Amino acid sequence: GSTPLFAALIAYFWLKDRLSAPRIAGLLIGLGGVVILVWDRTSFGDGGSLWAPLAALGASLSYGIAANYTKVRLQNVPPLVSATGSMVAAALILLPLVVAYWPTVTPSLLSWLFVIVLGFVSTAFAYLLYFRLISRVGPAKTVTVTYLIPLFGMLWGTIFLGEKITLSMLAATAVILLGTTLANGRWGKKIPIATPAPAPVSPERA
């Protein structure tokens, strides 16, 4: 959830991307929603999991740098090429770890199918959209979609792990959605309504 904040700040200092007051408010509000979600676990002691969010902050910072670098260096590269290069590079980097940490029990066929679906639909296809958005709307706006990750994490945790949705989680959801709307500059914009073309005037009436 902190990725949009890092991306916007890096874009501001590196690309001189202007941040309007509503966008700044949206970024901070969205980040606040994420804080609400993890507030009861922000501890280094037993039962806490603050080390994991700190590690994620480092990843989010890298994500923000990568998004802006893509805007600068890969502006004219087709999204399919960028997505393919990212997937191939990631596969090569992870291959030694896969061999080193291969599970003692070979995953089932169903597990492999799930991995393939996640790889193609949730990663490869998502990267196509991601790189296309960067070229069209810029990195700062593109990465605001990561504010939705905690929402889906909450949803899948409820469906597959039986976790309970609390009132604070619902409040955080509303805050995150509000922040995403503001950060994308969509607040208060009217949806254009197509008006019918005027009827042609006959030569006699003219």
N, C-alpha and C. Protein backbone atom coordinates (compact mmCIF):
# COMPACT_ATOMS: atom_id res chain seq x y z
N GLY A 1 0.80 -1.21 0.00
CA GLY A 1 0.00 0.00 0.00
C GLY A 1 0.84 1.27 0.00
N SER A 2 2.10 1.18 0.40
CA SER A 2 2.96 2.36 0.42
C SER A 2 3.60 2.63 -0.93
N THR A 3 3.45 1.72 -1.88
CA THR A 3 4.08 1.90 -3.20
C THR A 3 3.67 3.20 -3.88
N PRO A 4 2.37 3.58 -3.92
CA PRO A 4 2.01 4.84 -4.58
C PRO A 4 2.67 6.06 -3.94
N LEU A 5 2.84 6.04 -2.63
CA LEU A 5 3.48 7.18 -1.96
C LEU A 5 4.94 7.29 -2.39
N PHE A 6 5.66 6.16 -2.40
CA PHE A 6 7.05 6.19 -2.84
C PHE A 6 7.15 6.60 -4.31
N ALA A 7 6.28 6.05 -5.15
CA ALA A 7 6.33 6.36 -6.58
C ALA A 7 6.06 7.84 -6.83
N ALA A 8 5.09 8.39 -6.11
CA ALA A 8 4.76 9.81 -6.28
C ALA A 8 5.90 10.70 -5.82
N LEU A 9 6.52 10.36 -4.69
CA LEU A 9 7.63 11.16 -4.18
C LEU A 9 8.84 11.09 -5.11
N ILE A 10 9.12 9.88 -5.62
CA ILE A 10 10.25 9.73 -6.53
C ILE A 10 9.97 10.47 -7.84
N ALA A 11 8.74 10.40 -8.33
CA ALA A 11 8.37 11.11 -9.55
C ALA A 11 8.48 12.62 -9.34
N TYR A 12 8.16 13.08 -8.15
CA TYR A 12 8.23 14.51 -7.85
C TYR A 12 9.69 15.00 -7.88
N PHE A 13 10.57 14.26 -7.23
CA PHE A 13 11.97 14.70 -7.14
C PHE A 13 12.77 14.37 -8.40
N TRP A 14 12.45 13.25 -9.06
CA TRP A 14 13.24 12.82 -10.21
C TRP A 14 12.67 13.36 -11.52
N LEU A 15 11.36 13.20 -11.72
CA LEU A 15 10.74 13.58 -12.98
C LEU A 15 10.07 14.94 -12.92
N LYS A 16 10.14 15.59 -11.74
CA LYS A 16 9.49 16.89 -11.56
C LYS A 16 7.99 16.81 -11.84
N ASP A 17 7.41 15.68 -11.48
CA ASP A 17 5.97 15.48 -11.67
C ASP A 17 5.21 16.26 -10.60
N ARG A 18 4.29 17.09 -11.03
CA ARG A 18 3.57 17.96 -10.10
C ARG A 18 2.56 17.15 -9.30
N LEU A 19 2.50 17.43 -8.01
CA LEU A 19 1.54 16.79 -7.13
C LEU A 19 0.55 17.84 -6.65
N SER A 20 -0.70 17.70 -7.06
CA SER A 20 -1.72 18.63 -6.61
C SER A 20 -2.11 18.30 -5.17
N ALA A 21 -2.79 19.24 -4.53
CA ALA A 21 -3.22 19.03 -3.15
C ALA A 21 -4.14 17.82 -3.00
N PRO A 22 -5.15 17.62 -3.89
CA PRO A 22 -5.99 16.43 -3.76
C PRO A 22 -5.21 15.13 -3.91
N ARG A 23 -4.21 15.10 -4.81
CA ARG A 23 -3.43 13.88 -5.00
C ARG A 23 -2.57 13.59 -3.78
N ILE A 24 -1.99 14.64 -3.20
CA ILE A 24 -1.21 14.44 -1.98
C ILE A 24 -2.10 13.91 -0.86
N ALA A 25 -3.28 14.50 -0.74
CA ALA A 25 -4.23 14.04 0.28
C ALA A 25 -4.63 12.60 0.03
N GLY A 26 -4.87 12.25 -1.24
CA GLY A 26 -5.26 10.88 -1.56
C GLY A 26 -4.18 9.88 -1.22
N LEU A 27 -2.92 10.21 -1.51
CA LEU A 27 -1.82 9.31 -1.20
C LEU A 27 -1.70 9.09 0.31
N LEU A 28 -1.83 10.17 1.08
CA LEU A 28 -1.72 10.05 2.52
C LEU A 28 -2.91 9.32 3.13
N ILE A 29 -4.10 9.58 2.59
CA ILE A 29 -5.30 8.90 3.09
C ILE A 29 -5.22 7.40 2.79
N GLY A 30 -4.80 7.05 1.57
CA GLY A 30 -4.67 5.64 1.23
C GLY A 30 -3.66 4.94 2.11
N LEU A 31 -2.54 5.59 2.37
CA LEU A 31 -1.55 5.01 3.26
C LEU A 31 -2.11 4.86 4.67
N GLY A 32 -2.92 5.85 5.09
CA GLY A 32 -3.54 5.75 6.41
C GLY A 32 -4.47 4.56 6.52
N GLY A 33 -5.17 4.25 5.43
CA GLY A 33 -6.04 3.08 5.43
C GLY A 33 -5.26 1.79 5.63
N VAL A 34 -4.08 1.70 5.01
CA VAL A 34 -3.24 0.52 5.19
C VAL A 34 -2.77 0.42 6.63
N VAL A 35 -2.41 1.57 7.22
CA VAL A 35 -1.96 1.58 8.61
C VAL A 35 -3.06 1.07 9.53
N ILE A 36 -4.30 1.45 9.24
CA ILE A 36 -5.42 0.98 10.06
C ILE A 36 -5.51 -0.55 10.00
N LEU A 37 -5.26 -1.11 8.82
CA LEU A 37 -5.37 -2.56 8.67
C LEU A 37 -4.34 -3.31 9.51
N VAL A 38 -3.13 -2.77 9.64
CA VAL A 38 -2.05 -3.51 10.31
C VAL A 38 -1.73 -2.95 11.69
N TRP A 39 -2.53 -1.99 12.17
CA TRP A 39 -2.18 -1.29 13.41
C TRP A 39 -2.06 -2.23 14.60
N ASP A 40 -2.93 -3.22 14.70
CA ASP A 40 -2.92 -4.10 15.87
C ASP A 40 -1.76 -5.09 15.85
N ARG A 41 -0.96 -5.08 14.77
CA ARG A 41 0.17 -6.00 14.70
C ARG A 41 1.51 -5.27 14.60
N THR A 42 1.49 -3.95 14.80
CA THR A 42 2.73 -3.18 14.67
C THR A 42 3.56 -3.30 15.93
N SER A 43 4.22 -4.43 16.08
CA SER A 43 5.06 -4.68 17.25
C SER A 43 6.18 -5.62 16.86
N PHE A 44 7.35 -5.44 17.48
CA PHE A 44 8.47 -6.34 17.26
C PHE A 44 8.43 -7.52 18.22
N GLY A 45 7.54 -7.48 19.21
CA GLY A 45 7.48 -8.54 20.21
C GLY A 45 6.69 -9.74 19.73
N ASP A 46 6.42 -10.64 20.70
CA ASP A 46 5.65 -11.84 20.39
C ASP A 46 4.25 -11.45 19.94
N GLY A 47 3.79 -12.07 18.89
CA GLY A 47 2.46 -11.78 18.36
C GLY A 47 2.45 -10.65 17.36
N GLY A 48 3.54 -9.88 17.30
CA GLY A 48 3.62 -8.78 16.35
C GLY A 48 4.28 -9.23 15.06
N SER A 49 4.13 -8.43 14.05
CA SER A 49 4.72 -8.79 12.75
C SER A 49 5.25 -7.55 12.05
N LEU A 50 5.91 -6.67 12.82
CA LEU A 50 6.37 -5.41 12.23
C LEU A 50 7.54 -5.61 11.28
N TRP A 51 8.32 -6.69 11.47
CA TRP A 51 9.43 -6.92 10.58
C TRP A 51 8.94 -7.13 9.14
N ALA A 52 7.83 -7.80 9.01
CA ALA A 52 7.30 -8.06 7.66
C ALA A 52 6.88 -6.76 6.96
N PRO A 53 6.12 -5.85 7.61
CA PRO A 53 5.82 -4.58 6.96
C PRO A 53 7.06 -3.77 6.62
N LEU A 54 8.10 -3.82 7.48
CA LEU A 54 9.32 -3.09 7.18
C LEU A 54 10.01 -3.65 5.94
N ALA A 55 9.99 -4.98 5.81
CA ALA A 55 10.55 -5.59 4.61
C ALA A 55 9.73 -5.21 3.39
N ALA A 56 8.41 -5.14 3.56
CA ALA A 56 7.54 -4.76 2.44
C ALA A 56 7.78 -3.31 2.04
N LEU A 57 8.13 -2.45 3.01
CA LEU A 57 8.43 -1.06 2.68
C LEU A 57 9.64 -0.96 1.76
N GLY A 58 10.64 -1.81 2.03
CA GLY A 58 11.80 -1.83 1.15
C GLY A 58 11.43 -2.27 -0.26
N ALA A 59 10.55 -3.27 -0.34
CA ALA A 59 10.08 -3.72 -1.66
C ALA A 59 9.25 -2.64 -2.34
N SER A 60 8.42 -1.94 -1.56
CA SER A 60 7.59 -0.88 -2.13
C SER A 60 8.45 0.26 -2.66
N LEU A 61 9.53 0.59 -1.94
CA LEU A 61 10.45 1.61 -2.42
C LEU A 61 11.06 1.21 -3.75
N SER A 62 11.46 -0.05 -3.85
CA SER A 62 12.02 -0.56 -5.11
C SER A 62 10.98 -0.52 -6.21
N TYR A 63 9.75 -0.84 -5.86
CA TYR A 63 8.64 -0.80 -6.82
C TYR A 63 8.45 0.62 -7.36
N GLY A 64 8.50 1.60 -6.47
CA GLY A 64 8.34 2.99 -6.88
C GLY A 64 9.47 3.45 -7.79
N ILE A 65 10.71 3.03 -7.47
CA ILE A 65 11.84 3.37 -8.33
C ILE A 65 11.68 2.73 -9.70
N ALA A 66 11.28 1.45 -9.72
CA ALA A 66 11.14 0.74 -10.99
C ALA A 66 10.07 1.36 -11.87
N ALA A 67 8.96 1.80 -11.28
CA ALA A 67 7.89 2.39 -12.07
C ALA A 67 8.36 3.67 -12.76
N ASN A 68 9.09 4.49 -12.03
CA ASN A 68 9.59 5.74 -12.62
C ASN A 68 10.70 5.47 -13.63
N TYR A 69 11.54 4.49 -13.36
CA TYR A 69 12.58 4.13 -14.31
C TYR A 69 11.97 3.63 -15.62
N THR A 70 10.88 2.86 -15.50
CA THR A 70 10.18 2.39 -16.69
C THR A 70 9.66 3.56 -17.51
N LYS A 71 9.14 4.57 -16.84
CA LYS A 71 8.63 5.75 -17.53
C LYS A 71 9.75 6.46 -18.28
N VAL A 72 10.94 6.51 -17.69
CA VAL A 72 12.05 7.25 -18.28
C VAL A 72 12.73 6.45 -19.41
N ARG A 73 13.00 5.17 -19.15
CA ARG A 73 13.83 4.38 -20.06
C ARG A 73 13.06 3.49 -21.03
N LEU A 74 11.83 3.13 -20.67
CA LEU A 74 11.09 2.17 -21.50
C LEU A 74 9.82 2.77 -22.08
N GLN A 75 9.80 4.08 -22.24
CA GLN A 75 8.61 4.77 -22.71
C GLN A 75 8.16 4.26 -24.07
N ASN A 76 9.11 4.01 -24.97
CA ASN A 76 8.79 3.61 -26.34
C ASN A 76 8.86 2.10 -26.56
N VAL A 77 9.05 1.35 -25.49
CA VAL A 77 9.09 -0.11 -25.60
C VAL A 77 7.68 -0.66 -25.48
N PRO A 78 7.25 -1.54 -26.39
CA PRO A 78 5.90 -2.10 -26.30
C PRO A 78 5.67 -2.81 -24.96
N PRO A 79 4.47 -2.68 -24.39
CA PRO A 79 4.19 -3.33 -23.10
C PRO A 79 4.45 -4.83 -23.10
N LEU A 80 4.19 -5.50 -24.23
CA LEU A 80 4.41 -6.94 -24.30
C LEU A 80 5.89 -7.27 -24.12
N VAL A 81 6.76 -6.45 -24.69
CA VAL A 81 8.20 -6.67 -24.56
C VAL A 81 8.64 -6.45 -23.12
N SER A 82 8.16 -5.38 -22.50
CA SER A 82 8.52 -5.11 -21.10
C SER A 82 8.04 -6.21 -20.17
N ALA A 83 6.79 -6.64 -20.37
CA ALA A 83 6.24 -7.70 -19.51
C ALA A 83 7.00 -9.01 -19.70
N THR A 84 7.31 -9.35 -20.95
CA THR A 84 8.04 -10.58 -21.22
C THR A 84 9.44 -10.54 -20.61
N GLY A 85 10.12 -9.41 -20.78
CA GLY A 85 11.45 -9.28 -20.19
C GLY A 85 11.43 -9.41 -18.67
N SER A 86 10.41 -8.82 -18.03
CA SER A 86 10.30 -8.90 -16.58
C SER A 86 10.08 -10.34 -16.12
N MET A 87 9.20 -11.06 -16.82
CA MET A 87 8.89 -12.42 -16.42
C MET A 87 10.08 -13.36 -16.64
N VAL A 88 10.78 -13.19 -17.76
CA VAL A 88 11.94 -14.04 -18.04
C VAL A 88 13.05 -13.77 -17.02
N ALA A 89 13.30 -12.50 -16.73
CA ALA A 89 14.33 -12.16 -15.76
C ALA A 89 14.00 -12.71 -14.38
N ALA A 90 12.74 -12.57 -13.97
CA ALA A 90 12.33 -13.09 -12.66
C ALA A 90 12.47 -14.60 -12.59
N ALA A 91 12.11 -15.28 -13.69
CA ALA A 91 12.21 -16.75 -13.71
C ALA A 91 13.66 -17.20 -13.58
N LEU A 92 14.58 -16.52 -14.27
CA LEU A 92 15.99 -16.89 -14.20
C LEU A 92 16.58 -16.64 -12.82
N ILE A 93 16.16 -15.52 -12.19
CA ILE A 93 16.67 -15.21 -10.85
C ILE A 93 16.15 -16.20 -9.82
N LEU A 94 14.90 -16.61 -9.96
CA LEU A 94 14.29 -17.50 -8.97
C LEU A 94 14.63 -18.97 -9.19
N LEU A 95 15.11 -19.33 -10.38
CA LEU A 95 15.36 -20.74 -10.69
C LEU A 95 16.32 -21.41 -9.71
N PRO A 96 17.46 -20.80 -9.36
CA PRO A 96 18.34 -21.47 -8.38
C PRO A 96 17.66 -21.67 -7.02
N LEU A 97 16.82 -20.70 -6.61
CA LEU A 97 16.13 -20.84 -5.33
C LEU A 97 15.10 -21.96 -5.38
N VAL A 98 14.46 -22.13 -6.54
CA VAL A 98 13.49 -23.22 -6.70
C VAL A 98 14.18 -24.57 -6.52
N VAL A 99 15.36 -24.70 -7.11
CA VAL A 99 16.10 -25.96 -7.00
C VAL A 99 16.57 -26.18 -5.56
N ALA A 100 17.07 -25.12 -4.93
CA ALA A 100 17.63 -25.24 -3.58
C ALA A 100 16.56 -25.53 -2.54
N TYR A 101 15.37 -24.98 -2.73
CA TYR A 101 14.30 -25.12 -1.73
C TYR A 101 13.15 -25.97 -2.25
N TRP A 102 13.44 -26.92 -3.11
CA TRP A 102 12.38 -27.78 -3.63
C TRP A 102 11.76 -28.57 -2.48
N PRO A 103 10.42 -28.59 -2.40
CA PRO A 103 9.77 -29.28 -1.27
C PRO A 103 10.03 -30.78 -1.28
N THR A 104 10.02 -31.36 -0.10
CA THR A 104 10.25 -32.81 0.01
C THR A 104 9.13 -33.60 -0.64
N VAL A 105 7.91 -33.04 -0.61
CA VAL A 105 6.76 -33.68 -1.25
C VAL A 105 6.46 -32.90 -2.53
N THR A 106 6.48 -33.58 -3.66
CA THR A 106 6.23 -32.92 -4.94
C THR A 106 4.81 -32.37 -4.99
N PRO A 107 4.64 -31.11 -5.37
CA PRO A 107 3.29 -30.53 -5.44
C PRO A 107 2.39 -31.33 -6.38
N SER A 108 1.11 -31.32 -6.05
CA SER A 108 0.13 -32.07 -6.86
C SER A 108 -0.12 -31.37 -8.18
N LEU A 109 -0.80 -32.08 -9.09
CA LEU A 109 -1.13 -31.52 -10.39
C LEU A 109 -2.03 -30.29 -10.24
N LEU A 110 -2.96 -30.35 -9.28
CA LEU A 110 -3.85 -29.22 -9.05
C LEU A 110 -3.07 -27.99 -8.60
N SER A 111 -2.06 -28.20 -7.76
CA SER A 111 -1.23 -27.09 -7.31
C SER A 111 -0.49 -26.47 -8.49
N TRP A 112 0.04 -27.29 -9.39
CA TRP A 112 0.72 -26.78 -10.57
C TRP A 112 -0.23 -25.97 -11.44
N LEU A 113 -1.45 -26.44 -11.57
CA LEU A 113 -2.44 -25.71 -12.37
C LEU A 113 -2.74 -24.34 -11.77
N PHE A 114 -2.85 -24.31 -10.45
CA PHE A 114 -3.09 -23.03 -9.78
C PHE A 114 -1.92 -22.07 -10.01
N VAL A 115 -0.71 -22.59 -9.94
CA VAL A 115 0.48 -21.76 -10.16
C VAL A 115 0.49 -21.21 -11.59
N ILE A 116 0.12 -22.07 -12.55
CA ILE A 116 0.10 -21.63 -13.95
C ILE A 116 -0.95 -20.53 -14.16
N VAL A 117 -2.13 -20.71 -13.56
CA VAL A 117 -3.19 -19.70 -13.70
C VAL A 117 -2.74 -18.38 -13.08
N LEU A 118 -2.15 -18.46 -11.87
CA LEU A 118 -1.66 -17.24 -11.22
C LEU A 118 -0.56 -16.58 -12.05
N GLY A 119 0.29 -17.40 -12.65
CA GLY A 119 1.39 -16.86 -13.44
C GLY A 119 0.92 -16.13 -14.69
N PHE A 120 -0.05 -16.72 -15.37
CA PHE A 120 -0.51 -16.12 -16.63
C PHE A 120 -1.51 -14.99 -16.39
N VAL A 121 -2.51 -15.23 -15.54
CA VAL A 121 -3.60 -14.26 -15.38
C VAL A 121 -3.20 -13.14 -14.42
N SER A 122 -2.74 -13.51 -13.23
CA SER A 122 -2.49 -12.51 -12.19
C SER A 122 -1.12 -11.86 -12.29
N THR A 123 -0.25 -12.39 -13.14
CA THR A 123 1.09 -11.80 -13.24
C THR A 123 1.39 -11.32 -14.66
N ALA A 124 1.43 -12.25 -15.62
CA ALA A 124 1.82 -11.87 -16.98
C ALA A 124 0.83 -10.89 -17.60
N PHE A 125 -0.46 -11.23 -17.56
CA PHE A 125 -1.46 -10.34 -18.14
C PHE A 125 -1.54 -9.03 -17.36
N ALA A 126 -1.39 -9.11 -16.03
CA ALA A 126 -1.42 -7.90 -15.21
C ALA A 126 -0.25 -6.98 -15.56
N TYR A 127 0.91 -7.55 -15.86
CA TYR A 127 2.05 -6.72 -16.24
C TYR A 127 1.84 -6.04 -17.59
N LEU A 128 1.14 -6.70 -18.49
CA LEU A 128 0.81 -6.04 -19.76
C LEU A 128 0.03 -4.76 -19.50
N LEU A 129 -0.99 -4.87 -18.66
CA LEU A 129 -1.79 -3.70 -18.32
C LEU A 129 -0.95 -2.67 -17.56
N TYR A 130 -0.08 -3.15 -16.69
CA TYR A 130 0.74 -2.27 -15.86
C TYR A 130 1.66 -1.40 -16.71
N PHE A 131 2.40 -2.01 -17.62
CA PHE A 131 3.33 -1.23 -18.45
C PHE A 131 2.59 -0.32 -19.41
N ARG A 132 1.43 -0.75 -19.86
CA ARG A 132 0.64 0.12 -20.74
C ARG A 132 0.14 1.34 -19.98
N LEU A 133 -0.27 1.14 -18.74
CA LEU A 133 -0.74 2.27 -17.93
C LEU A 133 0.39 3.25 -17.65
N ILE A 134 1.58 2.73 -17.38
CA ILE A 134 2.72 3.62 -17.11
C ILE A 134 2.97 4.55 -18.29
N SER A 135 2.89 4.00 -19.51
CA SER A 135 3.15 4.83 -20.69
C SER A 135 2.03 5.83 -20.94
N ARG A 136 0.81 5.53 -20.46
CA ARG A 136 -0.33 6.39 -20.76
C ARG A 136 -0.62 7.42 -19.67
N VAL A 137 -0.59 7.00 -18.41
CA VAL A 137 -0.98 7.92 -17.33
C VAL A 137 0.17 8.24 -16.39
N GLY A 138 1.33 7.60 -16.56
CA GLY A 138 2.47 7.89 -15.71
C GLY A 138 2.58 6.93 -14.53
N PRO A 139 3.78 6.82 -13.94
CA PRO A 139 3.99 5.85 -12.86
C PRO A 139 3.24 6.17 -11.58
N ALA A 140 3.15 7.47 -11.22
CA ALA A 140 2.52 7.83 -9.94
C ALA A 140 1.07 7.38 -9.88
N LYS A 141 0.33 7.58 -10.97
CA LYS A 141 -1.07 7.18 -10.99
C LYS A 141 -1.21 5.66 -11.15
N THR A 142 -0.32 5.06 -11.93
CA THR A 142 -0.43 3.63 -12.19
C THR A 142 -0.32 2.81 -10.92
N VAL A 143 0.67 3.14 -10.07
CA VAL A 143 0.91 2.29 -8.90
C VAL A 143 -0.11 2.51 -7.79
N THR A 144 -1.03 3.46 -7.95
CA THR A 144 -2.05 3.61 -6.91
C THR A 144 -2.97 2.39 -6.85
N VAL A 145 -2.94 1.55 -7.89
CA VAL A 145 -3.76 0.34 -7.84
C VAL A 145 -3.28 -0.61 -6.76
N THR A 146 -2.04 -0.46 -6.28
CA THR A 146 -1.55 -1.34 -5.24
C THR A 146 -2.26 -1.09 -3.91
N TYR A 147 -2.96 0.05 -3.78
CA TYR A 147 -3.76 0.26 -2.58
C TYR A 147 -4.86 -0.79 -2.46
N LEU A 148 -5.21 -1.44 -3.57
CA LEU A 148 -6.27 -2.43 -3.55
C LEU A 148 -5.78 -3.80 -3.09
N ILE A 149 -4.46 -3.99 -3.02
CA ILE A 149 -3.92 -5.29 -2.62
C ILE A 149 -4.38 -5.69 -1.22
N PRO A 150 -4.33 -4.79 -0.20
CA PRO A 150 -4.83 -5.20 1.12
C PRO A 150 -6.30 -5.60 1.10
N LEU A 151 -7.08 -4.98 0.22
CA LEU A 151 -8.50 -5.33 0.16
C LEU A 151 -8.68 -6.75 -0.34
N PHE A 152 -7.94 -7.10 -1.41
CA PHE A 152 -8.05 -8.46 -1.92
C PHE A 152 -7.43 -9.47 -0.97
N GLY A 153 -6.37 -9.05 -0.27
CA GLY A 153 -5.79 -9.93 0.74
C GLY A 153 -6.79 -10.26 1.83
N MET A 154 -7.56 -9.25 2.23
CA MET A 154 -8.61 -9.46 3.23
C MET A 154 -9.69 -10.40 2.69
N LEU A 155 -10.07 -10.19 1.43
CA LEU A 155 -11.12 -11.02 0.82
C LEU A 155 -10.69 -12.47 0.71
N TRP A 156 -9.49 -12.71 0.17
CA TRP A 156 -9.02 -14.09 0.01
C TRP A 156 -8.78 -14.74 1.37
N GLY A 157 -8.32 -13.96 2.36
CA GLY A 157 -8.12 -14.52 3.69
C GLY A 157 -9.43 -15.01 4.29
N THR A 158 -10.52 -14.28 4.01
CA THR A 158 -11.83 -14.68 4.51
C THR A 158 -12.34 -15.92 3.79
N ILE A 159 -12.17 -15.94 2.47
CA ILE A 159 -12.72 -17.05 1.68
C ILE A 159 -11.94 -18.34 1.89
N PHE A 160 -10.60 -18.27 1.84
CA PHE A 160 -9.78 -19.48 1.84
C PHE A 160 -9.20 -19.85 3.20
N LEU A 161 -9.06 -18.87 4.10
CA LEU A 161 -8.45 -19.15 5.40
C LEU A 161 -9.40 -19.00 6.57
N GLY A 162 -10.64 -18.58 6.29
CA GLY A 162 -11.63 -18.46 7.35
C GLY A 162 -11.38 -17.30 8.29
N GLU A 163 -10.62 -16.29 7.87
CA GLU A 163 -10.37 -15.13 8.72
C GLU A 163 -11.62 -14.25 8.80
N LYS A 164 -11.78 -13.58 9.92
CA LYS A 164 -12.97 -12.76 10.15
C LYS A 164 -12.72 -11.32 9.71
N ILE A 165 -13.74 -10.73 9.10
CA ILE A 165 -13.69 -9.32 8.71
C ILE A 165 -14.27 -8.49 9.85
N THR A 166 -13.45 -7.58 10.39
CA THR A 166 -13.88 -6.75 11.50
C THR A 166 -14.33 -5.37 11.01
N LEU A 167 -14.93 -4.62 11.92
CA LEU A 167 -15.39 -3.27 11.58
C LEU A 167 -14.22 -2.37 11.19
N SER A 168 -13.09 -2.52 11.88
CA SER A 168 -11.92 -1.70 11.54
C SER A 168 -11.40 -2.03 10.15
N MET A 169 -11.50 -3.28 9.74
CA MET A 169 -11.07 -3.66 8.40
C MET A 169 -11.97 -3.03 7.34
N LEU A 170 -13.27 -3.00 7.61
CA LEU A 170 -14.20 -2.37 6.67
C LEU A 170 -13.95 -0.86 6.59
N ALA A 171 -13.65 -0.26 7.75
CA ALA A 171 -13.34 1.17 7.76
C ALA A 171 -12.08 1.45 6.95
N ALA A 172 -11.08 0.59 7.11
CA ALA A 172 -9.84 0.75 6.36
C ALA A 172 -10.10 0.60 4.87
N THR A 173 -11.00 -0.29 4.50
CA THR A 173 -11.35 -0.48 3.10
C THR A 173 -11.89 0.82 2.51
N ALA A 174 -12.81 1.45 3.22
CA ALA A 174 -13.39 2.70 2.75
C ALA A 174 -12.33 3.79 2.63
N VAL A 175 -11.42 3.85 3.59
CA VAL A 175 -10.37 4.87 3.57
C VAL A 175 -9.44 4.64 2.38
N ILE A 176 -9.07 3.39 2.11
CA ILE A 176 -8.18 3.08 1.00
C ILE A 176 -8.83 3.44 -0.33
N LEU A 177 -10.10 3.11 -0.49
CA LEU A 177 -10.79 3.44 -1.73
C LEU A 177 -10.90 4.95 -1.93
N LEU A 178 -11.14 5.68 -0.84
CA LEU A 178 -11.19 7.14 -0.93
C LEU A 178 -9.84 7.70 -1.35
N GLY A 179 -8.78 7.18 -0.74
CA GLY A 179 -7.44 7.65 -1.08
C GLY A 179 -7.08 7.36 -2.52
N THR A 180 -7.45 6.18 -3.01
CA THR A 180 -7.17 5.82 -4.40
C THR A 180 -7.90 6.73 -5.36
N THR A 181 -9.15 7.06 -5.03
CA THR A 181 -9.93 7.96 -5.88
C THR A 181 -9.30 9.34 -5.97
N LEU A 182 -8.88 9.87 -4.82
CA LEU A 182 -8.26 11.18 -4.81
C LEU A 182 -6.90 11.17 -5.52
N ALA A 183 -6.12 10.12 -5.27
CA ALA A 183 -4.78 10.05 -5.86
C ALA A 183 -4.83 9.95 -7.38
N ASN A 184 -5.89 9.37 -7.90
CA ASN A 184 -6.04 9.24 -9.34
C ASN A 184 -6.68 10.46 -9.98
N GLY A 185 -7.03 11.45 -9.16
CA GLY A 185 -7.61 12.67 -9.70
C GLY A 185 -9.02 12.49 -10.22
N ARG A 186 -9.75 11.52 -9.68
CA ARG A 186 -11.10 11.24 -10.16
C ARG A 186 -12.18 11.90 -9.32
N TRP A 187 -11.80 12.51 -8.20
CA TRP A 187 -12.81 13.07 -7.30
C TRP A 187 -13.43 14.31 -7.93
N GLY A 188 -14.74 14.34 -8.01
CA GLY A 188 -15.45 15.51 -8.48
C GLY A 188 -15.53 15.65 -9.98
N LYS A 189 -14.95 14.69 -10.73
CA LYS A 189 -15.02 14.78 -12.18
C LYS A 189 -16.36 14.26 -12.67
N LYS A 190 -16.95 14.98 -13.57
CA LYS A 190 -18.23 14.59 -14.11
C LYS A 190 -18.03 13.65 -15.28
N ILE A 191 -18.90 12.66 -15.37
CA ILE A 191 -18.85 11.72 -16.49
C ILE A 191 -19.44 12.39 -17.70
N PRO A 192 -18.68 12.46 -18.81
CA PRO A 192 -19.21 13.14 -19.99
C PRO A 192 -20.42 12.40 -20.55
N ILE A 193 -21.44 13.17 -20.90
CA ILE A 193 -22.66 12.60 -21.46
C ILE A 193 -22.74 12.99 -22.92
N ALA A 194 -22.86 11.98 -23.76
CA ALA A 194 -22.92 12.24 -25.19
C ALA A 194 -24.23 12.92 -25.54
N THR A 195 -24.16 14.00 -26.31
CA THR A 195 -25.36 14.71 -26.73
C THR A 195 -25.67 14.34 -28.17
N PRO A 196 -26.93 14.16 -28.48
CA PRO A 196 -27.28 13.79 -29.85
C PRO A 196 -26.93 14.89 -30.84
N ALA A 197 -26.50 14.48 -32.01
CA ALA A 197 -26.17 15.45 -33.06
C ALA A 197 -27.43 16.14 -33.56
N PRO A 198 -27.34 17.44 -33.93
CA PRO A 198 -28.53 18.15 -34.41
C PRO A 198 -29.04 17.54 -35.71
N ALA A 199 -30.36 17.59 -35.86
CA ALA A 199 -30.97 17.01 -37.07
C ALA A 199 -30.57 17.85 -38.28
N PRO A 200 -30.28 17.19 -39.39
CA PRO A 200 -29.91 17.93 -40.60
C PRO A 200 -31.04 18.81 -41.10
N VAL A 201 -30.68 19.97 -41.62
CA VAL A 201 -31.66 20.92 -42.11
C VAL A 201 -31.79 20.75 -43.64
N SER A 202 -33.01 20.59 -44.11
CA SER A 202 -33.21 20.39 -45.54
C SER A 202 -32.95 21.69 -46.29
N PRO A 203 -32.55 21.61 -47.58
CA PRO A 203 -32.28 22.83 -48.35
C PRO A 203 -33.50 23.76 -48.41
N GLU A 204 -34.73 23.18 -48.46
CA GLU A 204 -35.91 24.03 -48.55
C GLU A 204 -36.06 24.87 -47.28
N ARG A 205 -35.83 24.26 -46.09
CA ARG A 205 -35.99 24.99 -44.84
C ARG A 205 -34.86 25.99 -44.67
N ALA A 206 -33.66 25.62 -45.17
CA ALA A 206 -32.57 26.56 -45.07
C ALA A 206 -32.85 27.79 -45.91
